């Protein structure tokens, strides 16, 4: 028995292949063909991807113009949920009712609201993705899922060309929400239906 075991192990060692080459770790950290430092190109790609997803993109020329552009994004809405920590000046030019989500509004109030206005923690140009982590001005997930319209204010400095750059600034211990366009699904008979898992409409206000 010992001789047989020795022979088997000898054959295994003789047949062993060389260890695999270590996989490369030099991942592409920016969108292919795009210079991360070319900010106008990164922002243009971000707007293009959002539009392809069916979102509306509005740009403010200056930070001071944020209020007027937010009011434009909220046009037609009578009420909007505002998470705690949202800058008051963002709604200064809007005439609708601001529903501050502090203390937390109940589900019925959230569902009855026409819109929700939030900030974000990061964004990805390559995929047209917004990332919220529940921080100041972003609120809890329920508040961004129930209203029909989500208006998200994004600062240009928060837009990364590709996902690896955005991941570097995220805290994995926080409740991360990735949003790529208005909520939609085609699970049922391949028919695209909007608003199944969240807002039917998404508007992004891009600040300089």
N, C-alpha and C. Protein backbone atom coordinates (compact mmCIF):
# COMPACT_ATOMS: atom_id res chain seq x y z
N UNK A 1 0.83 -1.20 0.00
CA UNK A 1 0.00 0.00 0.00
C UNK A 1 0.86 1.25 0.00
N UNK A 2 1.92 1.23 0.80
CA UNK A 2 2.81 2.39 0.87
C UNK A 2 3.49 2.64 -0.46
N UNK A 3 3.92 1.56 -1.11
CA UNK A 3 4.56 1.72 -2.42
C UNK A 3 3.60 2.30 -3.45
N UNK A 4 2.33 1.84 -3.40
CA UNK A 4 1.32 2.35 -4.34
C UNK A 4 1.07 3.84 -4.11
N UNK A 5 0.99 4.21 -2.85
CA UNK A 5 0.76 5.63 -2.51
C UNK A 5 1.92 6.48 -2.99
N UNK A 6 3.11 6.00 -2.77
CA UNK A 6 4.30 6.74 -3.19
C UNK A 6 4.33 6.92 -4.70
N UNK A 7 3.96 5.83 -5.41
CA UNK A 7 3.95 5.90 -6.86
C UNK A 7 2.91 6.87 -7.38
N UNK A 8 1.73 6.89 -6.74
CA UNK A 8 0.67 7.81 -7.15
C UNK A 8 1.11 9.25 -6.95
N UNK A 9 1.69 9.53 -5.80
CA UNK A 9 2.14 10.89 -5.53
C UNK A 9 3.26 11.30 -6.48
N UNK A 10 4.12 10.35 -6.82
CA UNK A 10 5.21 10.66 -7.76
C UNK A 10 4.64 11.05 -9.11
N UNK A 11 3.63 10.31 -9.56
CA UNK A 11 3.02 10.60 -10.86
C UNK A 11 2.32 11.96 -10.85
N UNK A 12 1.69 12.28 -9.72
CA UNK A 12 1.01 13.57 -9.61
C UNK A 12 2.01 14.71 -9.70
N UNK A 13 3.11 14.57 -8.97
CA UNK A 13 4.13 15.62 -8.99
C UNK A 13 4.73 15.76 -10.38
N UNK A 14 4.93 14.63 -11.04
CA UNK A 14 5.52 14.67 -12.38
C UNK A 14 4.58 15.32 -13.39
N UNK A 15 3.29 15.15 -13.15
CA UNK A 15 2.30 15.69 -14.09
C UNK A 15 1.87 17.11 -13.76
N UNK A 16 2.30 17.63 -12.62
CA UNK A 16 1.88 18.96 -12.20
C UNK A 16 2.32 20.03 -13.20
N UNK A 17 1.42 20.92 -13.54
CA UNK A 17 1.74 22.00 -14.48
C UNK A 17 2.39 23.14 -13.72
N UNK A 18 3.14 23.96 -14.39
CA UNK A 18 3.76 25.11 -13.72
C UNK A 18 2.68 26.03 -13.15
N UNK A 19 2.97 26.73 -12.08
CA UNK A 19 1.98 27.65 -11.50
C UNK A 19 1.54 28.70 -12.51
N UNK A 20 0.30 29.04 -12.44
CA UNK A 20 -0.25 30.03 -13.38
C UNK A 20 0.42 31.38 -13.17
N UNK A 21 0.54 32.10 -14.26
CA UNK A 21 1.11 33.45 -14.18
C UNK A 21 0.14 34.35 -13.42
N UNK A 22 0.66 35.15 -12.52
CA UNK A 22 -0.19 36.05 -11.74
C UNK A 22 -0.95 36.99 -12.66
N UNK A 23 -2.26 37.16 -12.43
CA UNK A 23 -3.04 38.04 -13.30
C UNK A 23 -2.56 39.48 -13.17
N UNK A 24 -2.60 40.24 -14.24
CA UNK A 24 -2.18 41.64 -14.18
C UNK A 24 -3.13 42.46 -13.32
N UNK A 25 -2.59 43.40 -12.59
CA UNK A 25 -3.40 44.25 -11.72
C UNK A 25 -3.46 45.69 -12.21
N UNK A 26 -2.99 45.93 -13.41
CA UNK A 26 -3.01 47.28 -13.95
C UNK A 26 -4.35 47.53 -14.66
N UNK A 27 -5.41 47.61 -13.87
CA UNK A 27 -6.74 47.78 -14.45
C UNK A 27 -6.87 49.17 -15.08
N UNK A 28 -7.67 49.22 -16.12
CA UNK A 28 -7.96 50.49 -16.76
C UNK A 28 -8.86 51.30 -15.82
N UNK A 29 -8.39 52.41 -15.36
CA UNK A 29 -9.11 53.20 -14.38
C UNK A 29 -9.84 54.40 -14.98
N UNK A 30 -9.88 54.44 -16.30
CA UNK A 30 -10.61 55.52 -16.95
C UNK A 30 -11.32 54.95 -18.17
N UNK A 31 -12.28 55.67 -18.68
CA UNK A 31 -13.03 55.21 -19.85
C UNK A 31 -12.09 55.06 -21.04
N UNK A 32 -12.20 53.98 -21.80
CA UNK A 32 -11.32 53.77 -22.95
C UNK A 32 -11.35 54.94 -23.93
N UNK A 33 -10.17 55.36 -24.34
CA UNK A 33 -10.07 56.43 -25.32
C UNK A 33 -10.38 57.81 -24.79
N UNK A 34 -10.48 57.93 -23.46
CA UNK A 34 -10.84 59.21 -22.85
C UNK A 34 -9.80 59.60 -21.81
N UNK A 35 -9.32 60.81 -21.90
CA UNK A 35 -8.35 61.33 -20.94
C UNK A 35 -9.11 61.83 -19.73
N UNK A 36 -8.83 61.23 -18.57
CA UNK A 36 -9.53 61.60 -17.34
C UNK A 36 -9.38 63.08 -17.02
N UNK A 37 -8.26 63.67 -17.42
CA UNK A 37 -8.02 65.08 -17.12
C UNK A 37 -8.75 66.02 -18.09
N UNK A 38 -9.30 65.47 -19.15
CA UNK A 38 -10.06 66.28 -20.10
C UNK A 38 -11.50 66.38 -19.57
N UNK A 39 -11.70 67.30 -18.64
CA UNK A 39 -12.98 67.38 -17.96
C UNK A 39 -14.16 67.68 -18.89
N UNK A 40 -14.03 68.58 -19.85
CA UNK A 40 -15.17 68.80 -20.76
C UNK A 40 -15.59 67.52 -21.48
N UNK A 41 -14.61 66.69 -21.88
CA UNK A 41 -14.94 65.44 -22.57
C UNK A 41 -15.62 64.45 -21.63
N UNK A 42 -15.14 64.40 -20.38
CA UNK A 42 -15.75 63.50 -19.39
C UNK A 42 -17.20 63.91 -19.13
N UNK A 43 -17.44 65.19 -18.96
CA UNK A 43 -18.79 65.67 -18.68
C UNK A 43 -19.70 65.50 -19.89
N UNK A 44 -19.14 65.67 -21.08
CA UNK A 44 -19.93 65.47 -22.29
C UNK A 44 -20.36 64.01 -22.42
N UNK A 45 -19.45 63.09 -22.09
CA UNK A 45 -19.79 61.66 -22.14
C UNK A 45 -20.85 61.33 -21.10
N UNK A 46 -20.72 61.91 -19.92
CA UNK A 46 -21.70 61.70 -18.85
C UNK A 46 -23.09 62.13 -19.31
N UNK A 47 -23.19 63.32 -19.89
CA UNK A 47 -24.48 63.82 -20.37
C UNK A 47 -25.03 62.95 -21.50
N UNK A 48 -24.14 62.50 -22.36
CA UNK A 48 -24.56 61.65 -23.48
C UNK A 48 -25.14 60.33 -22.99
N UNK A 49 -24.46 59.70 -22.05
CA UNK A 49 -24.94 58.42 -21.53
C UNK A 49 -26.27 58.59 -20.79
N UNK A 50 -26.39 59.65 -20.01
CA UNK A 50 -27.65 59.89 -19.29
C UNK A 50 -28.80 60.06 -20.28
N UNK A 51 -28.55 60.80 -21.34
CA UNK A 51 -29.58 61.01 -22.36
C UNK A 51 -29.97 59.70 -23.02
N UNK A 52 -28.98 58.86 -23.29
CA UNK A 52 -29.27 57.54 -23.88
C UNK A 52 -30.15 56.70 -22.96
N UNK A 53 -29.99 56.88 -21.66
CA UNK A 53 -30.80 56.14 -20.70
C UNK A 53 -32.21 56.69 -20.57
N UNK A 54 -32.45 57.86 -21.14
CA UNK A 54 -33.78 58.45 -21.04
C UNK A 54 -33.89 59.53 -19.98
N UNK A 55 -32.77 59.94 -19.41
CA UNK A 55 -32.79 61.00 -18.41
C UNK A 55 -32.69 62.36 -19.09
N UNK A 56 -33.08 63.39 -18.36
CA UNK A 56 -32.96 64.77 -18.82
C UNK A 56 -31.75 65.39 -18.15
N UNK A 57 -30.91 66.06 -18.91
CA UNK A 57 -29.71 66.69 -18.37
C UNK A 57 -29.81 68.20 -18.53
N UNK A 58 -29.68 68.91 -17.42
CA UNK A 58 -29.71 70.36 -17.41
C UNK A 58 -28.40 70.85 -16.80
N UNK A 59 -27.77 71.82 -17.44
CA UNK A 59 -26.48 72.30 -16.96
C UNK A 59 -26.59 73.74 -16.47
N UNK A 60 -25.98 74.01 -15.32
CA UNK A 60 -25.91 75.36 -14.78
C UNK A 60 -24.54 75.93 -15.10
N UNK A 61 -24.51 77.14 -15.63
CA UNK A 61 -23.24 77.76 -16.00
C UNK A 61 -22.41 78.12 -14.77
N UNK A 62 -23.09 78.46 -13.68
CA UNK A 62 -22.41 78.80 -12.44
C UNK A 62 -23.14 78.13 -11.28
N UNK A 63 -22.46 78.02 -10.14
CA UNK A 63 -23.09 77.45 -8.96
C UNK A 63 -24.27 78.30 -8.51
N UNK A 64 -24.17 79.61 -8.74
CA UNK A 64 -25.24 80.51 -8.34
C UNK A 64 -26.51 80.30 -9.16
N UNK A 65 -26.36 79.68 -10.33
CA UNK A 65 -27.52 79.44 -11.19
C UNK A 65 -28.24 78.14 -10.84
N UNK A 66 -27.75 77.43 -9.82
CA UNK A 66 -28.33 76.13 -9.46
C UNK A 66 -29.82 76.24 -9.17
N UNK A 67 -30.23 77.28 -8.44
CA UNK A 67 -31.64 77.40 -8.05
C UNK A 67 -32.56 77.50 -9.25
N UNK A 68 -32.18 78.31 -10.25
CA UNK A 68 -33.05 78.47 -11.41
C UNK A 68 -33.11 77.19 -12.25
N UNK A 69 -31.98 76.46 -12.33
CA UNK A 69 -31.98 75.24 -13.12
C UNK A 69 -32.74 74.13 -12.39
N UNK A 70 -32.61 74.08 -11.06
CA UNK A 70 -33.39 73.11 -10.29
C UNK A 70 -34.88 73.39 -10.46
N UNK A 71 -35.26 74.66 -10.43
CA UNK A 71 -36.67 75.02 -10.62
C UNK A 71 -37.15 74.56 -12.00
N UNK A 72 -36.29 74.67 -12.99
CA UNK A 72 -36.64 74.19 -14.33
C UNK A 72 -36.84 72.68 -14.33
N UNK A 73 -35.96 71.96 -13.62
CA UNK A 73 -36.06 70.50 -13.56
C UNK A 73 -37.33 70.06 -12.83
N UNK A 74 -37.76 70.86 -11.87
CA UNK A 74 -38.95 70.51 -11.08
C UNK A 74 -40.23 71.09 -11.66
N UNK A 75 -40.16 71.68 -12.82
CA UNK A 75 -41.33 72.30 -13.44
C UNK A 75 -42.47 71.29 -13.58
N UNK A 76 -43.64 71.68 -13.11
CA UNK A 76 -44.81 70.80 -13.17
C UNK A 76 -45.05 70.03 -11.88
N UNK A 77 -44.03 69.93 -11.05
CA UNK A 77 -44.18 69.23 -9.77
C UNK A 77 -44.74 70.21 -8.74
N UNK A 78 -45.66 69.73 -7.92
CA UNK A 78 -46.24 70.57 -6.89
C UNK A 78 -45.56 70.39 -5.55
N UNK A 79 -44.95 69.23 -5.35
CA UNK A 79 -44.27 68.97 -4.08
C UNK A 79 -43.03 68.13 -4.34
N UNK A 80 -42.01 68.33 -3.52
CA UNK A 80 -40.77 67.58 -3.68
C UNK A 80 -40.17 67.26 -2.32
N UNK A 81 -39.74 66.03 -2.17
CA UNK A 81 -39.09 65.59 -0.93
C UNK A 81 -37.66 66.12 -0.94
N UNK A 82 -37.23 66.68 0.19
CA UNK A 82 -35.87 67.20 0.34
C UNK A 82 -35.21 66.50 1.52
N UNK A 83 -34.20 65.65 1.25
CA UNK A 83 -33.51 64.96 2.34
C UNK A 83 -32.81 65.96 3.27
N UNK A 84 -32.60 65.56 4.49
CA UNK A 84 -31.88 66.40 5.44
C UNK A 84 -30.48 66.70 4.90
N UNK A 85 -30.06 67.94 5.04
CA UNK A 85 -28.73 68.32 4.57
C UNK A 85 -28.72 68.88 3.17
N UNK A 86 -29.86 68.92 2.49
CA UNK A 86 -29.91 69.48 1.14
C UNK A 86 -29.79 71.00 1.22
N UNK A 87 -28.93 71.63 0.44
CA UNK A 87 -28.79 73.09 0.49
C UNK A 87 -30.12 73.80 0.21
N UNK A 88 -30.50 74.70 1.09
CA UNK A 88 -31.77 75.42 0.94
C UNK A 88 -31.80 76.25 -0.34
N UNK A 89 -30.62 76.75 -0.75
CA UNK A 89 -30.60 77.63 -1.93
C UNK A 89 -30.99 76.91 -3.21
N UNK A 90 -30.91 75.59 -3.22
CA UNK A 90 -31.26 74.86 -4.44
C UNK A 90 -32.74 74.97 -4.77
N UNK A 91 -33.58 75.20 -3.77
CA UNK A 91 -35.02 75.30 -4.02
C UNK A 91 -35.52 76.73 -3.89
N UNK A 92 -34.61 77.70 -3.84
CA UNK A 92 -34.99 79.10 -3.61
C UNK A 92 -35.86 79.67 -4.72
N UNK A 93 -35.69 79.20 -5.95
CA UNK A 93 -36.46 79.74 -7.09
C UNK A 93 -37.66 78.89 -7.46
N UNK A 94 -37.91 77.85 -6.69
CA UNK A 94 -39.03 76.95 -7.01
C UNK A 94 -40.21 77.28 -6.12
N UNK A 95 -41.41 77.32 -6.68
CA UNK A 95 -42.60 77.75 -5.93
C UNK A 95 -43.39 76.60 -5.32
N UNK A 96 -42.95 75.36 -5.55
CA UNK A 96 -43.69 74.22 -5.00
C UNK A 96 -43.43 73.99 -3.51
N UNK A 97 -44.06 72.98 -2.96
CA UNK A 97 -43.94 72.66 -1.54
C UNK A 97 -42.73 71.74 -1.32
N UNK A 98 -41.84 72.17 -0.44
CA UNK A 98 -40.67 71.38 -0.10
C UNK A 98 -40.99 70.54 1.14
N UNK A 99 -40.92 69.23 0.99
CA UNK A 99 -41.22 68.31 2.09
C UNK A 99 -39.91 67.80 2.68
N UNK A 100 -39.48 68.41 3.77
CA UNK A 100 -38.22 68.01 4.39
C UNK A 100 -38.39 66.64 5.06
N UNK A 101 -37.55 65.72 4.70
CA UNK A 101 -37.66 64.35 5.20
C UNK A 101 -36.98 64.20 6.58
N UNK A 102 -37.38 65.07 7.49
CA UNK A 102 -36.84 65.01 8.86
C UNK A 102 -37.84 65.64 9.82
N UNK A 103 -38.46 64.86 10.70
CA UNK A 103 -38.33 63.40 10.84
C UNK A 103 -38.84 62.70 9.57
N UNK A 104 -38.47 61.43 9.40
CA UNK A 104 -38.80 60.71 8.17
C UNK A 104 -40.30 60.75 7.85
N UNK A 105 -40.61 61.12 6.62
CA UNK A 105 -41.99 61.11 6.17
C UNK A 105 -42.48 59.67 6.05
N UNK A 106 -43.77 59.46 6.28
CA UNK A 106 -44.28 58.10 6.15
C UNK A 106 -44.41 57.74 4.67
N UNK A 107 -44.64 56.46 4.42
CA UNK A 107 -44.69 55.95 3.04
C UNK A 107 -45.75 56.64 2.21
N UNK A 108 -46.89 56.92 2.81
CA UNK A 108 -47.99 57.57 2.08
C UNK A 108 -47.58 58.96 1.61
N UNK A 109 -46.88 59.72 2.47
CA UNK A 109 -46.44 61.06 2.09
C UNK A 109 -45.40 61.00 0.97
N UNK A 110 -44.49 60.04 1.08
CA UNK A 110 -43.48 59.90 0.04
C UNK A 110 -44.11 59.54 -1.30
N UNK A 111 -45.08 58.64 -1.25
CA UNK A 111 -45.74 58.18 -2.47
C UNK A 111 -46.57 59.30 -3.11
N UNK A 112 -47.08 60.19 -2.28
CA UNK A 112 -47.92 61.28 -2.79
C UNK A 112 -47.10 62.44 -3.34
N UNK A 113 -45.82 62.50 -2.99
CA UNK A 113 -44.96 63.58 -3.47
C UNK A 113 -44.72 63.44 -4.96
N UNK A 114 -44.66 64.56 -5.65
CA UNK A 114 -44.44 64.53 -7.10
C UNK A 114 -42.98 64.26 -7.45
N UNK A 115 -42.07 64.67 -6.58
CA UNK A 115 -40.65 64.56 -6.91
C UNK A 115 -39.80 64.41 -5.66
N UNK A 116 -38.55 64.08 -5.88
CA UNK A 116 -37.54 64.09 -4.82
C UNK A 116 -36.31 64.78 -5.38
N UNK A 117 -35.70 65.63 -4.58
CA UNK A 117 -34.50 66.36 -4.99
C UNK A 117 -33.35 65.91 -4.11
N UNK A 118 -32.26 65.44 -4.74
CA UNK A 118 -31.12 64.96 -3.95
C UNK A 118 -29.80 65.46 -4.54
N UNK A 119 -28.76 65.29 -3.74
CA UNK A 119 -27.40 65.42 -4.21
C UNK A 119 -26.92 64.00 -4.50
N UNK A 120 -25.64 63.81 -4.77
CA UNK A 120 -25.08 62.47 -4.92
C UNK A 120 -23.67 62.48 -4.35
N UNK A 121 -23.08 61.32 -4.23
CA UNK A 121 -21.72 61.25 -3.70
C UNK A 121 -20.68 61.05 -4.80
N UNK A 122 -21.10 60.50 -5.94
CA UNK A 122 -20.19 60.30 -7.09
C UNK A 122 -21.04 59.97 -8.31
N UNK A 123 -20.40 60.03 -9.48
CA UNK A 123 -21.07 59.69 -10.73
C UNK A 123 -20.06 59.09 -11.69
N UNK A 124 -20.55 58.29 -12.65
CA UNK A 124 -19.69 57.61 -13.62
C UNK A 124 -20.11 58.01 -15.02
N UNK A 125 -19.18 58.62 -15.76
CA UNK A 125 -19.49 59.09 -17.11
C UNK A 125 -19.71 57.94 -18.08
N UNK A 126 -18.86 56.93 -18.03
CA UNK A 126 -18.90 55.85 -19.01
C UNK A 126 -20.25 55.14 -19.04
N UNK A 127 -20.89 55.00 -17.88
CA UNK A 127 -22.17 54.29 -17.81
C UNK A 127 -23.34 55.22 -17.53
N UNK A 128 -23.08 56.52 -17.32
CA UNK A 128 -24.16 57.44 -16.99
C UNK A 128 -24.83 57.08 -15.68
N UNK A 129 -24.01 56.82 -14.67
CA UNK A 129 -24.51 56.32 -13.39
C UNK A 129 -24.35 57.33 -12.27
N UNK A 130 -25.39 57.46 -11.44
CA UNK A 130 -25.35 58.27 -10.23
C UNK A 130 -25.16 57.33 -9.05
N UNK A 131 -24.38 57.75 -8.06
CA UNK A 131 -24.17 56.93 -6.88
C UNK A 131 -24.53 57.73 -5.64
N UNK A 132 -25.47 57.21 -4.88
CA UNK A 132 -25.90 57.84 -3.63
C UNK A 132 -25.48 56.94 -2.47
N UNK A 133 -25.07 57.55 -1.35
CA UNK A 133 -24.68 56.72 -0.21
C UNK A 133 -25.44 57.08 1.07
N UNK A 134 -26.54 57.83 0.91
CA UNK A 134 -27.36 58.16 2.07
C UNK A 134 -26.80 59.28 2.91
N UNK A 135 -25.77 59.98 2.43
CA UNK A 135 -25.17 61.08 3.16
C UNK A 135 -26.02 62.33 3.12
N UNK A 136 -25.50 63.46 3.62
CA UNK A 136 -26.25 64.72 3.63
C UNK A 136 -26.75 65.09 2.23
N UNK A 137 -28.03 65.43 2.16
CA UNK A 137 -28.61 65.82 0.89
C UNK A 137 -28.99 64.66 -0.02
N UNK A 138 -28.70 63.44 0.40
CA UNK A 138 -29.01 62.27 -0.42
C UNK A 138 -30.17 61.46 0.15
N UNK A 139 -30.26 61.43 1.46
CA UNK A 139 -31.41 60.80 2.10
C UNK A 139 -31.44 59.30 2.06
N UNK A 140 -32.53 58.76 2.57
CA UNK A 140 -32.70 57.31 2.62
C UNK A 140 -33.22 56.79 1.28
N UNK A 141 -33.06 55.52 1.07
CA UNK A 141 -33.40 54.93 -0.22
C UNK A 141 -34.89 55.04 -0.54
N UNK A 142 -35.75 54.88 0.45
CA UNK A 142 -37.20 54.93 0.20
C UNK A 142 -37.62 56.27 -0.40
N UNK A 143 -36.98 57.34 0.04
CA UNK A 143 -37.34 58.67 -0.46
C UNK A 143 -36.98 58.86 -1.92
N UNK A 144 -36.02 58.10 -2.43
CA UNK A 144 -35.62 58.23 -3.83
C UNK A 144 -36.31 57.21 -4.73
N UNK A 145 -37.13 56.36 -4.15
CA UNK A 145 -37.79 55.31 -4.93
C UNK A 145 -39.27 55.58 -5.20
N UNK A 146 -39.94 56.25 -4.28
CA UNK A 146 -41.39 56.38 -4.38
C UNK A 146 -41.89 57.55 -5.24
N UNK A 147 -41.32 58.75 -5.15
CA UNK A 147 -41.81 59.84 -6.03
C UNK A 147 -41.58 59.51 -7.50
N UNK A 148 -42.39 60.09 -8.36
CA UNK A 148 -42.34 59.78 -9.80
C UNK A 148 -41.14 60.42 -10.50
N UNK A 149 -40.65 61.53 -9.95
CA UNK A 149 -39.54 62.26 -10.56
C UNK A 149 -38.39 62.37 -9.57
N UNK A 150 -37.20 62.03 -10.02
CA UNK A 150 -36.00 62.21 -9.20
C UNK A 150 -35.11 63.25 -9.88
N UNK A 151 -34.87 64.35 -9.17
CA UNK A 151 -33.95 65.37 -9.65
C UNK A 151 -32.68 65.27 -8.82
N UNK A 152 -31.57 65.03 -9.48
CA UNK A 152 -30.30 64.83 -8.78
C UNK A 152 -29.31 65.92 -9.21
N UNK A 153 -28.74 66.60 -8.24
CA UNK A 153 -27.76 67.65 -8.51
C UNK A 153 -26.36 67.05 -8.40
N UNK A 154 -25.58 67.20 -9.46
CA UNK A 154 -24.25 66.61 -9.52
C UNK A 154 -23.22 67.71 -9.77
N UNK A 155 -22.19 67.75 -8.96
CA UNK A 155 -21.10 68.69 -9.20
C UNK A 155 -20.11 68.06 -10.18
N UNK A 156 -19.54 68.88 -11.05
CA UNK A 156 -18.63 68.36 -12.08
C UNK A 156 -17.48 67.57 -11.46
N UNK A 157 -17.01 68.00 -10.30
CA UNK A 157 -15.88 67.32 -9.65
C UNK A 157 -16.23 65.91 -9.18
N UNK A 158 -17.53 65.60 -9.10
CA UNK A 158 -17.96 64.28 -8.64
C UNK A 158 -18.03 63.26 -9.78
N UNK A 159 -17.87 63.70 -11.02
CA UNK A 159 -18.02 62.81 -12.17
C UNK A 159 -16.68 62.18 -12.52
N UNK A 160 -16.62 60.86 -12.45
CA UNK A 160 -15.42 60.10 -12.82
C UNK A 160 -15.67 59.48 -14.18
N UNK A 161 -14.62 59.31 -14.97
CA UNK A 161 -14.82 58.79 -16.32
C UNK A 161 -15.27 57.34 -16.30
N UNK A 162 -14.78 56.54 -15.33
CA UNK A 162 -15.13 55.12 -15.26
C UNK A 162 -15.35 54.70 -13.81
N UNK A 163 -15.89 53.52 -13.62
CA UNK A 163 -16.27 53.04 -12.29
C UNK A 163 -15.10 52.95 -11.31
N UNK A 164 -13.91 52.45 -11.71
CA UNK A 164 -12.82 52.34 -10.73
C UNK A 164 -12.51 53.65 -10.02
N UNK A 165 -12.57 54.75 -10.75
CA UNK A 165 -12.30 56.04 -10.13
C UNK A 165 -13.34 56.39 -9.08
N UNK A 166 -14.59 56.07 -9.36
CA UNK A 166 -15.66 56.35 -8.41
C UNK A 166 -15.56 55.44 -7.19
N UNK A 167 -15.22 54.18 -7.41
CA UNK A 167 -15.12 53.24 -6.28
C UNK A 167 -14.09 53.70 -5.26
N UNK A 168 -13.06 54.38 -5.74
CA UNK A 168 -11.99 54.81 -4.84
C UNK A 168 -12.47 55.83 -3.81
N UNK A 169 -13.58 56.53 -4.10
CA UNK A 169 -14.05 57.55 -3.15
C UNK A 169 -15.26 57.08 -2.35
N UNK A 170 -15.72 55.86 -2.58
CA UNK A 170 -16.90 55.35 -1.89
C UNK A 170 -16.53 54.63 -0.60
N UNK A 171 -17.44 54.68 0.35
CA UNK A 171 -17.30 53.96 1.61
C UNK A 171 -18.15 52.70 1.51
N UNK A 172 -17.54 51.51 1.43
CA UNK A 172 -18.32 50.28 1.26
C UNK A 172 -19.22 49.97 2.45
N UNK A 173 -19.01 50.67 3.56
CA UNK A 173 -19.86 50.43 4.72
C UNK A 173 -21.15 51.22 4.69
N UNK A 174 -21.32 52.07 3.69
CA UNK A 174 -22.53 52.88 3.59
C UNK A 174 -23.52 52.22 2.61
N UNK A 175 -24.82 52.58 2.70
CA UNK A 175 -25.83 51.99 1.81
C UNK A 175 -25.76 52.62 0.42
N UNK A 176 -25.03 52.00 -0.48
CA UNK A 176 -24.80 52.56 -1.81
C UNK A 176 -25.95 52.23 -2.77
N UNK A 177 -26.38 53.23 -3.51
CA UNK A 177 -27.42 53.06 -4.53
C UNK A 177 -26.86 53.54 -5.86
N UNK A 178 -26.88 52.67 -6.86
CA UNK A 178 -26.40 53.01 -8.20
C UNK A 178 -27.61 53.23 -9.11
N UNK A 179 -27.68 54.39 -9.73
CA UNK A 179 -28.83 54.74 -10.56
C UNK A 179 -28.35 55.05 -11.97
N UNK A 180 -28.81 54.28 -12.93
CA UNK A 180 -28.47 54.51 -14.34
C UNK A 180 -29.75 54.74 -15.12
N UNK A 181 -30.20 55.97 -15.13
CA UNK A 181 -31.41 56.32 -15.86
C UNK A 181 -32.68 56.09 -15.05
N UNK A 182 -33.82 56.45 -15.60
CA UNK A 182 -35.11 56.20 -14.93
C UNK A 182 -35.32 54.71 -14.71
N UNK A 183 -36.10 54.37 -13.70
CA UNK A 183 -36.38 52.97 -13.42
C UNK A 183 -37.18 52.35 -14.57
N UNK A 184 -36.75 51.18 -15.01
CA UNK A 184 -37.46 50.49 -16.09
C UNK A 184 -37.13 49.00 -16.06
N UNK A 185 -38.02 48.21 -16.63
CA UNK A 185 -37.79 46.78 -16.73
C UNK A 185 -38.42 46.25 -18.01
N UNK A 186 -37.87 45.17 -18.52
CA UNK A 186 -38.46 44.50 -19.68
C UNK A 186 -38.62 43.02 -19.37
N UNK A 187 -38.79 42.69 -18.09
CA UNK A 187 -38.89 41.30 -17.66
C UNK A 187 -40.15 40.62 -18.16
N UNK A 188 -41.22 41.39 -18.33
CA UNK A 188 -42.51 40.80 -18.71
C UNK A 188 -42.70 40.90 -20.22
N UNK A 189 -42.59 39.76 -20.91
CA UNK A 189 -42.81 39.68 -22.35
C UNK A 189 -41.94 40.67 -23.13
N UNK A 190 -40.77 41.02 -22.57
CA UNK A 190 -39.81 41.90 -23.24
C UNK A 190 -40.41 43.26 -23.59
N UNK A 191 -41.40 43.69 -22.81
CA UNK A 191 -42.01 45.00 -23.01
C UNK A 191 -41.44 45.95 -21.98
N UNK A 192 -40.83 47.03 -22.44
CA UNK A 192 -40.19 47.97 -21.53
C UNK A 192 -41.25 48.78 -20.78
N UNK A 193 -41.20 48.71 -19.47
CA UNK A 193 -42.13 49.43 -18.62
C UNK A 193 -41.33 50.31 -17.66
N UNK A 194 -41.68 51.58 -17.60
CA UNK A 194 -40.97 52.50 -16.72
C UNK A 194 -41.64 52.60 -15.36
N UNK A 195 -40.83 52.93 -14.36
CA UNK A 195 -41.37 53.19 -13.03
C UNK A 195 -41.69 51.97 -12.20
N UNK A 196 -41.19 50.82 -12.57
CA UNK A 196 -41.53 49.60 -11.83
C UNK A 196 -40.81 49.55 -10.49
N UNK A 197 -39.53 49.90 -10.47
CA UNK A 197 -38.74 49.80 -9.25
C UNK A 197 -38.37 51.16 -8.67
N UNK A 198 -38.82 52.23 -9.29
CA UNK A 198 -38.45 53.56 -8.82
C UNK A 198 -39.05 54.62 -9.73
N UNK A 199 -38.52 55.84 -9.68
CA UNK A 199 -39.08 56.95 -10.47
C UNK A 199 -39.09 56.68 -11.98
N UNK A 200 -40.16 57.11 -12.64
CA UNK A 200 -40.26 56.98 -14.09
C UNK A 200 -39.41 58.03 -14.80
N UNK A 201 -39.14 59.12 -14.10
CA UNK A 201 -38.40 60.21 -14.72
C UNK A 201 -37.18 60.59 -13.87
N UNK A 202 -36.09 60.87 -14.56
CA UNK A 202 -34.85 61.27 -13.89
C UNK A 202 -34.31 62.52 -14.58
N UNK A 203 -34.03 63.53 -13.79
CA UNK A 203 -33.42 64.76 -14.31
C UNK A 203 -32.14 65.02 -13.53
N UNK A 204 -31.08 65.31 -14.24
CA UNK A 204 -29.79 65.58 -13.60
C UNK A 204 -29.41 67.02 -13.85
N UNK A 205 -29.14 67.74 -12.76
CA UNK A 205 -28.67 69.11 -12.84
C UNK A 205 -27.17 69.08 -12.62
N UNK A 206 -26.43 69.45 -13.63
CA UNK A 206 -24.96 69.38 -13.58
C UNK A 206 -24.39 70.76 -13.27
N UNK A 207 -23.73 70.85 -12.11
CA UNK A 207 -23.12 72.11 -11.70
C UNK A 207 -21.64 72.13 -12.08
N UNK A 208 -21.07 73.32 -12.30
CA UNK A 208 -19.66 73.42 -12.65
C UNK A 208 -18.75 73.06 -11.47
